[in-house]
Amino acid sequence: MNDNLLMLMFSTLAITISSIFSYFGLSNEIMGLYLFLLTADYVSGITKALVFKELSAIKMKAGLITKISMLFLPIILAATMKI
């Protein structure tokens, strides 16, 4: 994939997410920190699984789905408050 196309896709995604946060009155900095903490938690879970030799694709998928759903939780709450 071309680097320019990849950068365009990333920029479009970042602008879209930032626009959603702005519409619902969520701070970009706080949501960025929240995303960082969710990512750190996911990486630490993978590290723990590697150390204890319990790495499983099913557990990784479940953890990823959980983190993604937790990312949408503040957006859903903000949308509910906006109604």
Protein backbone atom coordinates (compact mmCIF):
# COMPACT_ATOMS: atom_id res chain seq x y z
CA MET A 1 0.00 0.00 0.00
CA ASN A 2 1.24 3.46 -0.83
CA ASP A 3 2.47 5.51 2.15
CA ASN A 4 0.47 8.55 1.04
CA LEU A 5 -2.73 6.51 0.87
CA LEU A 6 -2.06 5.03 4.31
CA MET A 7 -1.45 8.50 5.75
CA LEU A 8 -4.64 9.80 4.10
CA MET A 9 -6.67 6.94 5.60
CA PHE A 10 -5.18 7.54 9.06
CA SER A 11 -5.84 11.28 8.85
CA THR A 12 -9.42 10.72 7.72
CA LEU A 13 -10.03 8.33 10.61
CA ALA A 14 -8.47 10.75 13.11
CA ILE A 15 -10.60 13.66 11.84
CA THR A 16 -13.75 11.55 11.96
CA ILE A 17 -13.11 10.40 15.53
CA SER A 18 -12.20 13.91 16.63
CA SER A 19 -15.39 15.26 15.04
CA ILE A 20 -17.50 12.68 16.87
CA PHE A 21 -15.84 13.59 20.17
CA SER A 22 -16.40 17.29 19.50
CA TYR A 23 -20.06 16.79 18.58
CA PHE A 24 -20.76 14.95 21.82
CA GLY A 25 -18.72 17.39 23.92
CA LEU A 26 -15.97 14.91 24.82
CA SER A 27 -12.43 16.17 25.31
CA ASN A 28 -9.91 14.85 22.77
CA GLU A 29 -7.18 14.82 25.42
CA ILE A 30 -9.20 12.81 27.92
CA MET A 31 -10.37 10.35 25.27
CA GLY A 32 -6.79 10.01 24.02
CA LEU A 33 -5.65 9.20 27.54
CA TYR A 34 -8.51 6.73 27.90
CA LEU A 35 -7.48 5.05 24.62
CA PHE A 36 -3.87 4.91 25.80
CA LEU A 37 -4.89 3.27 29.08
CA LEU A 38 -7.07 0.71 27.28
CA THR A 39 -4.17 -0.09 24.94
CA ALA A 40 -1.74 -0.41 27.85
CA ASP A 41 -4.16 -2.76 29.61
CA TYR A 42 -4.47 -4.92 26.47
CA VAL A 43 -0.68 -5.06 25.99
CA SER A 44 -0.13 -5.93 29.66
CA GLY A 45 -2.68 -8.75 29.31
CA ILE A 46 -0.81 -10.14 26.31
CA THR A 47 2.47 -9.86 28.22
CA LYS A 48 0.99 -11.70 31.19
CA ALA A 49 -0.30 -14.45 28.88
CA LEU A 50 3.15 -14.79 27.31
CA VAL A 51 4.86 -15.03 30.70
CA PHE A 52 2.48 -17.71 31.96
CA LYS A 53 2.36 -19.43 28.55
CA GLU A 54 -1.42 -19.06 28.30
CA LEU A 55 -1.58 -17.10 25.04
CA SER A 56 -4.77 -17.92 23.15
CA ALA A 57 -6.33 -16.37 20.05
CA ILE A 58 -9.79 -16.72 21.57
CA LYS A 59 -8.77 -14.82 24.72
CA MET A 60 -7.05 -12.14 22.62
CA LYS A 61 -10.18 -11.65 20.50
CA ALA A 62 -12.36 -11.47 23.60
CA GLY A 63 -10.01 -8.92 25.17
CA LEU A 64 -9.94 -6.81 22.01
CA ILE A 65 -13.73 -6.84 21.71
CA THR A 66 -14.01 -5.85 25.36
CA LYS A 67 -11.59 -2.93 24.93
CA ILE A 68 -13.32 -1.70 21.78
CA SER A 69 -16.71 -1.84 23.48
CA MET A 70 -15.24 0.05 26.46
CA LEU A 71 -14.00 2.70 24.03
CA PHE A 72 -17.55 3.27 22.77
CA LEU A 73 -19.02 3.49 26.27
CA PRO A 74 -18.24 7.22 26.83
CA ILE A 75 -19.58 8.03 23.35
CA ILE A 76 -22.84 6.19 24.06
CA LEU A 77 -23.19 7.91 27.43
CA ALA A 78 -22.52 11.33 25.88
CA ALA A 79 -25.07 10.63 23.14
CA THR A 80 -27.62 9.67 25.77
CA MET A 81 -26.99 12.91 27.68
CA LYS A 82 -27.30 14.96 24.45
CA ILE A 83 -30.84 13.70 23.79
